[in-house]
Amino acid sequence: MKVEFAPRSVPLQRRLQTAAVVQWVFSFLGLAPCCIAAFIALLFTRFWLLSALYAVWWVLDRDQPRRGGRRVQFLRNGAVWRHMRDYFPITLVKTVELDPRQNYLLGFHPHGVLAAGAFLNFCTEASGFSTLFPGITPHLMMLSLWFRVPFFRDYLMSGGLVASDKESASHVLQRPGGGNLLAVIVGGAQEALDARPGSCTLLLRNRKGFVRLAIQHGTPLVPAFSFGENDLFDQVWNPKGSWLRWIQHRLQQVMGISLPLFHARGIFQYSFGLIPYRRPICTVVGKPIPVQKRQKPSEEEVDQVHEKYLNELSKLFEEHKAQYNVPADSHLEFI
């Protein structure tokens, strides 16, 4: 099941779609340093009190990203996200119902370069998440580093983003009454370095922390695969062992974020730029995998559930790949 939306007039709609994607790319590539600069600059103007008051608020509110964030519904429903959805376009597909009396841990694959599908599907209502999964509140985990940036942290939390640490995850998964879905981009920033068109490689073979977390809370695991996520950008060739990959790996170790050298199209031309290609993304949400709750699961128990998760994710990919123009001889590779 998926939600479909009717297109508008082409010329104006295309401009609005491109503008929406430009602001989204800017928000992830340039908004954070701009927020830091604005915060510091205000201190040297007659509006210094704004930064001072915000600093007090920042200290008092510092734990909020680990306590479920602070979503702002009217921002999640903004028209800009619908334009962004139609640019690619992006669709969200449901294969089974999710019980709103349960909490869920969803594994999102692949990361892609900027995780466009994860952001739009779980941090906005543009693809109709609440319509497809009534009674379920989505949360998407993001690197904790970004929640230390003034002003930017509030922008992130408004969409339902939360810090990517164990305390934050536990807060969502142990909420009484159910109805919460925690989405984790399992491959993380490291997987972004392998995001290129046609790639079916997932950094998942030794990623088991999310499985252990699900077992500790007795939370069903939900596999999700986003077809087309890797097709939005080209990336400079960086095979393992190359000098570029070594530099990227070192920067990731120091900064905690990856820096893929990607490119696609421009705003007014199609040959080169940082704007993603107009290629469809379809995020397919699979069926939940029941997990028996154990406070201290053994390595064997974690391995068993992890292997089952890999099998279910592979099955989801194989069942749907033909619909999204994936070659029949392409299969998921776990590294």
Foldseek 3Di string as FASTA:
>chain_A
DFDDDDDDDPPVLLLLLLVLLVVVVCLVVPVLVVLQVVLVVCCVDPNVVVSVVLVVVCVVCVCQLLQQFAAAQVVLADPSLLSPCVQLPEMEAEDDADDQQAEAEEAEDACAQPNPNCCSQQQHCNRPNCVRHPNAHEAEEDDPVQCVRPPSVNVCRNRRYGHPDLSSVCNQRQDHRGRYYYYYNQQAQVSNQVQAPLDQEGAQPPRLPSLVSCQQSQHWYKYKYKPCRSHFWHFDDDDPPDPVVVVQVVCCVVVVHGDTHIWAQDSVGGDTDRRTDSHYIYMYIGDTDGHHHDNDDDPVSSVVVSVVVVVRNQVVCQVCVVVRPRDNPDGHHYD
